[in-house]
N, C-alpha and C. Protein backbone atom coordinates (compact mmCIF):
# COMPACT_ATOMS: atom_id res chain seq x y z
N MET A 1 57.65 66.83 30.21
CA MET A 1 57.24 65.55 30.19
C MET A 1 56.21 65.09 30.44
N PHE A 2 54.95 65.54 30.24
CA PHE A 2 54.28 64.61 30.36
C PHE A 2 53.46 64.80 32.00
N TRP A 3 53.86 66.05 32.45
CA TRP A 3 53.73 66.50 33.98
C TRP A 3 54.98 65.03 35.32
N ILE A 4 55.28 64.75 34.61
CA ILE A 4 56.42 63.91 35.36
C ILE A 4 57.51 64.58 35.78
N ASP A 5 58.46 64.47 37.03
CA ASP A 5 59.51 65.40 36.91
C ASP A 5 60.41 64.09 36.17
N PRO A 6 61.29 64.50 35.70
CA PRO A 6 62.85 63.44 34.93
C PRO A 6 63.15 62.69 36.12
N PRO A 7 63.82 61.21 35.82
CA PRO A 7 64.16 60.31 36.55
C PRO A 7 65.38 60.81 37.60
N ILE A 8 65.58 60.20 38.87
CA ILE A 8 67.18 60.65 39.53
C ILE A 8 67.88 60.05 39.33
N GLY A 9 67.62 59.12 38.88
CA GLY A 9 68.80 58.17 38.57
C GLY A 9 69.34 57.36 39.85
N ASN A 10 70.62 56.73 39.60
CA ASN A 10 71.07 56.39 40.81
C ASN A 10 72.47 56.95 40.94
N SER A 11 73.04 57.13 42.50
CA SER A 11 73.99 57.82 42.85
C SER A 11 75.22 56.94 43.68
N PRO A 12 75.84 56.45 42.91
CA PRO A 12 76.48 56.96 41.70
C PRO A 12 76.19 56.16 40.82
N ALA A 13 76.37 56.56 39.62
CA ALA A 13 75.51 55.57 38.58
C ALA A 13 76.10 54.43 38.43
N SER A 14 75.15 53.32 38.12
CA SER A 14 75.54 51.62 38.58
C SER A 14 75.57 51.57 36.81
N GLY A 15 74.61 51.61 35.96
CA GLY A 15 74.87 51.31 35.03
C GLY A 15 74.88 51.51 33.83
N GLY A 16 74.51 50.59 32.47
CA GLY A 16 75.47 50.91 30.99
C GLY A 16 74.37 50.16 30.17
N ALA A 17 74.59 50.70 28.80
CA ALA A 17 74.27 49.48 28.01
C ALA A 17 75.09 49.92 26.47
N LEU A 18 74.85 48.73 25.86
CA LEU A 18 75.69 48.54 24.24
C LEU A 18 74.37 48.35 23.25
N ILE A 19 74.89 49.35 22.46
CA ILE A 19 73.84 49.52 21.41
C ILE A 19 74.34 49.27 20.36
N ALA A 20 74.71 48.00 19.33
CA ALA A 20 74.87 47.50 17.98
C ALA A 20 73.99 47.39 16.90
N LYS A 21 74.21 48.43 16.02
CA LYS A 21 73.48 48.81 14.70
C LYS A 21 73.40 47.55 13.81
N LEU A 22 72.41 46.99 13.51
CA LEU A 22 72.61 45.24 12.46
C LEU A 22 72.62 45.70 11.19
N SER A 23 71.78 46.68 10.98
CA SER A 23 70.65 46.85 10.12
C SER A 23 70.38 48.81 9.69
N ASP A 24 69.89 48.91 8.43
CA ASP A 24 69.26 50.24 8.65
C ASP A 24 67.98 50.34 9.84
N ASN A 25 67.74 49.42 10.11
CA ASN A 25 66.01 49.29 11.17
C ASN A 25 66.24 48.23 12.22
N GLU A 26 67.47 47.40 12.08
CA GLU A 26 67.43 46.68 13.25
C GLU A 26 68.46 46.80 14.71
N TYR A 27 68.75 47.14 15.78
CA TYR A 27 69.88 47.39 16.71
C TYR A 27 69.72 45.97 17.48
N LEU A 28 70.74 45.90 18.07
CA LEU A 28 70.75 44.89 19.28
C LEU A 28 71.09 45.65 20.48
N VAL A 29 70.44 46.11 21.82
CA VAL A 29 70.84 46.51 22.49
C VAL A 29 70.53 44.86 23.76
N THR A 30 71.89 45.84 24.32
CA THR A 30 72.21 44.93 25.91
C THR A 30 72.38 45.91 26.73
N ALA A 31 72.05 45.95 27.61
CA ALA A 31 72.12 46.67 29.17
C ALA A 31 72.06 45.90 30.20
N LEU A 32 72.62 46.99 31.61
CA LEU A 32 72.41 46.86 32.73
C LEU A 32 71.64 47.45 33.76
N ARG A 33 70.90 47.76 34.06
CA ARG A 33 70.33 49.28 35.13
C ARG A 33 69.98 50.17 34.18
N ALA A 34 69.72 50.37 33.18
CA ALA A 34 69.60 51.26 31.81
C ALA A 34 68.51 51.79 31.53
N ARG A 35 67.68 52.41 30.92
CA ARG A 35 66.52 53.32 29.70
C ARG A 35 67.46 53.38 28.93
N VAL A 36 66.86 53.07 27.82
CA VAL A 36 67.53 53.10 26.35
C VAL A 36 65.95 53.74 25.37
N SER A 37 66.47 54.85 24.96
CA SER A 37 65.53 55.39 24.37
C SER A 37 66.02 55.59 22.63
N PHE A 38 65.14 55.86 21.94
CA PHE A 38 65.37 55.80 20.81
C PHE A 38 64.78 57.05 20.23
N SER A 39 65.30 57.99 18.67
CA SER A 39 64.46 59.29 18.70
C SER A 39 65.25 59.58 17.16
N PRO A 40 64.85 60.35 16.07
CA PRO A 40 65.03 60.53 14.56
C PRO A 40 66.23 61.62 14.82
N SER A 41 66.77 61.66 13.81
CA SER A 41 68.32 62.19 13.77
C SER A 41 67.56 63.21 13.07
N ASP A 42 68.25 64.96 13.80
CA ASP A 42 67.86 66.03 13.16
C ASP A 42 67.76 66.30 11.49
N GLU A 43 68.02 65.34 10.98
CA GLU A 43 67.19 65.47 9.65
C GLU A 43 65.75 64.78 9.85
N LEU A 44 65.53 64.39 10.34
CA LEU A 44 64.27 64.18 10.51
C LEU A 44 63.15 64.28 11.86
N ALA A 45 63.91 65.40 12.52
CA ALA A 45 62.99 65.81 13.94
C ALA A 45 61.95 66.77 13.45
N GLY A 46 60.91 66.45 14.56
CA GLY A 46 59.58 66.51 14.23
C GLY A 46 58.42 65.58 13.51
N GLN A 47 59.02 64.59 13.08
CA GLN A 47 58.49 63.38 12.06
C GLN A 47 58.10 62.60 13.24
N VAL A 48 57.28 61.89 12.74
CA VAL A 48 56.28 60.67 13.55
C VAL A 48 57.41 59.52 13.88
N HIS A 49 57.79 58.76 14.72
CA HIS A 49 58.61 57.65 14.82
C HIS A 49 58.31 56.96 15.84
N MET A 50 58.25 55.27 15.69
CA MET A 50 57.81 54.46 16.74
C MET A 50 58.83 53.42 17.13
N ILE A 51 59.32 52.52 17.49
CA ILE A 51 59.54 50.97 18.00
C ILE A 51 58.39 50.33 17.74
N GLU A 52 59.00 49.42 16.47
CA GLU A 52 58.09 48.89 15.91
C GLU A 52 58.09 47.57 16.72
N ARG A 53 59.16 46.49 16.99
CA ARG A 53 58.97 45.73 17.68
C ARG A 53 60.49 45.37 18.28
N VAL A 54 59.83 44.82 19.77
CA VAL A 54 60.95 44.64 20.60
C VAL A 54 60.81 43.20 20.99
N GLU A 55 61.99 42.46 20.46
CA GLU A 55 62.05 41.03 20.76
C GLU A 55 63.11 40.90 22.22
N GLU A 56 62.61 39.89 23.17
CA GLU A 56 63.47 39.61 24.48
C GLU A 56 63.99 38.21 23.63
N GLY A 57 65.46 37.79 23.65
CA GLY A 57 66.15 36.77 23.66
C GLY A 57 67.94 36.71 24.02
N HIS A 58 68.27 35.50 23.47
CA HIS A 58 69.56 35.23 24.21
C HIS A 58 70.14 34.32 23.20
N PHE A 59 71.47 34.41 22.66
CA PHE A 59 72.02 33.82 21.83
C PHE A 59 72.55 32.87 22.35
N GLU A 60 72.54 31.32 21.96
CA GLU A 60 73.58 30.90 21.93
C GLU A 60 73.68 29.73 20.57
N ASN A 61 74.79 29.18 21.07
CA ASN A 61 76.16 28.55 19.53
C ASN A 61 76.01 29.79 18.44
N GLY A 62 76.06 31.28 18.73
CA GLY A 62 75.95 32.01 18.09
C GLY A 62 74.98 32.31 17.40
N ALA A 63 73.56 32.18 17.65
CA ALA A 63 72.54 31.52 17.06
C ALA A 63 71.47 32.54 17.45
N TRP A 64 70.63 33.67 17.73
CA TRP A 64 69.50 34.15 18.31
C TRP A 64 68.47 33.57 18.30
N VAL A 65 68.21 33.20 20.37
CA VAL A 65 67.59 32.57 19.85
C VAL A 65 66.05 33.63 21.07
N PHE A 66 65.22 33.54 20.00
CA PHE A 66 63.61 34.43 20.38
C PHE A 66 62.70 33.92 21.68
N GLU A 67 63.03 34.99 23.12
CA GLU A 67 62.20 34.24 23.81
C GLU A 67 60.23 35.39 23.71
N ARG A 68 60.53 36.15 23.93
CA ARG A 68 59.37 36.80 23.59
C ARG A 68 59.25 38.43 22.87
N VAL A 69 58.13 38.81 22.54
CA VAL A 69 58.05 40.09 22.23
C VAL A 69 57.13 40.70 22.97
N TRP A 70 58.24 41.98 23.17
CA TRP A 70 57.70 43.11 24.53
C TRP A 70 56.08 43.96 23.91
N ASN A 71 55.44 44.37 25.04
CA ASN A 71 54.17 45.09 24.78
C ASN A 71 54.57 46.37 24.16
N GLY A 72 53.43 46.85 23.83
CA GLY A 72 53.84 48.39 23.33
C GLY A 72 53.84 49.09 24.88
N ASP A 73 53.08 48.80 25.89
CA ASP A 73 53.58 49.94 27.31
C ASP A 73 54.72 49.41 27.60
N GLN A 74 55.10 48.05 27.03
CA GLN A 74 57.00 48.15 28.22
C GLN A 74 57.50 49.14 27.13
N THR A 75 57.90 49.43 26.09
CA THR A 75 58.49 50.34 25.25
C THR A 75 58.34 51.61 24.76
N ASP A 76 56.95 52.24 25.39
CA ASP A 76 56.54 53.31 24.73
C ASP A 76 57.15 54.76 25.18
N TRP A 77 58.00 54.42 26.84
CA TRP A 77 58.99 54.97 27.48
C TRP A 77 60.44 55.10 27.59
N GLY A 78 60.60 54.23 26.33
CA GLY A 78 61.87 53.53 26.42
C GLY A 78 62.24 52.30 26.85
N LEU A 79 63.03 51.62 26.63
CA LEU A 79 63.59 50.36 26.98
C LEU A 79 64.34 50.52 28.25
N LYS A 80 63.07 49.76 29.19
CA LYS A 80 63.82 49.78 30.29
C LYS A 80 64.28 48.61 31.30
N LEU A 81 65.72 48.35 31.11
CA LEU A 81 66.16 47.09 30.81
C LEU A 81 66.86 46.73 32.29
N GLN A 82 66.09 46.19 33.69
CA GLN A 82 66.46 45.75 34.70
C GLN A 82 67.99 44.98 34.65
N PRO A 83 68.51 44.33 36.31
CA PRO A 83 69.21 44.23 36.91
C PRO A 83 70.02 42.82 35.60
N GLN A 84 68.62 42.05 35.57
CA GLN A 84 69.17 40.72 35.11
C GLN A 84 70.15 40.67 33.82
N SER A 85 70.56 40.16 33.66
CA SER A 85 71.23 39.76 31.65
C SER A 85 70.00 39.67 31.15
N LEU A 86 70.13 40.60 30.51
CA LEU A 86 68.99 40.20 28.80
C LEU A 86 69.89 40.68 28.16
N ILE A 87 69.13 40.19 26.32
CA ILE A 87 69.60 41.32 25.60
C ILE A 87 68.14 41.16 24.69
N TYR A 88 68.34 42.25 23.64
CA TYR A 88 67.12 43.14 23.19
C TYR A 88 67.34 43.39 21.45
C-alpha cells in the first residue's frame, strides 16, 4: 500500500465506529479513535470510486448543524476520527 507498513493500532484496541446508511449515497459516521474507509462492493470491484463530500457537524434539537467540509487530503486515506466527540 504505497510503500508503507499497515498501521499497527492500539493494544488493547480502544476505538470504535458506528455507520448508519441514510440513503443510497449518504452515510452518518460517528467514531472514536478509528479510521473508516469506504470501498465498492464485490459487484463494483475494480471500478473507480471516491468520497464526494465529508461534512463535520453535530445534531442540535434533532437537526443537523453543519460546521465544516473536510478537504480531500483529509479523506483520501479514509476518515481518521480522533478522540474528540465528532459526527461526520
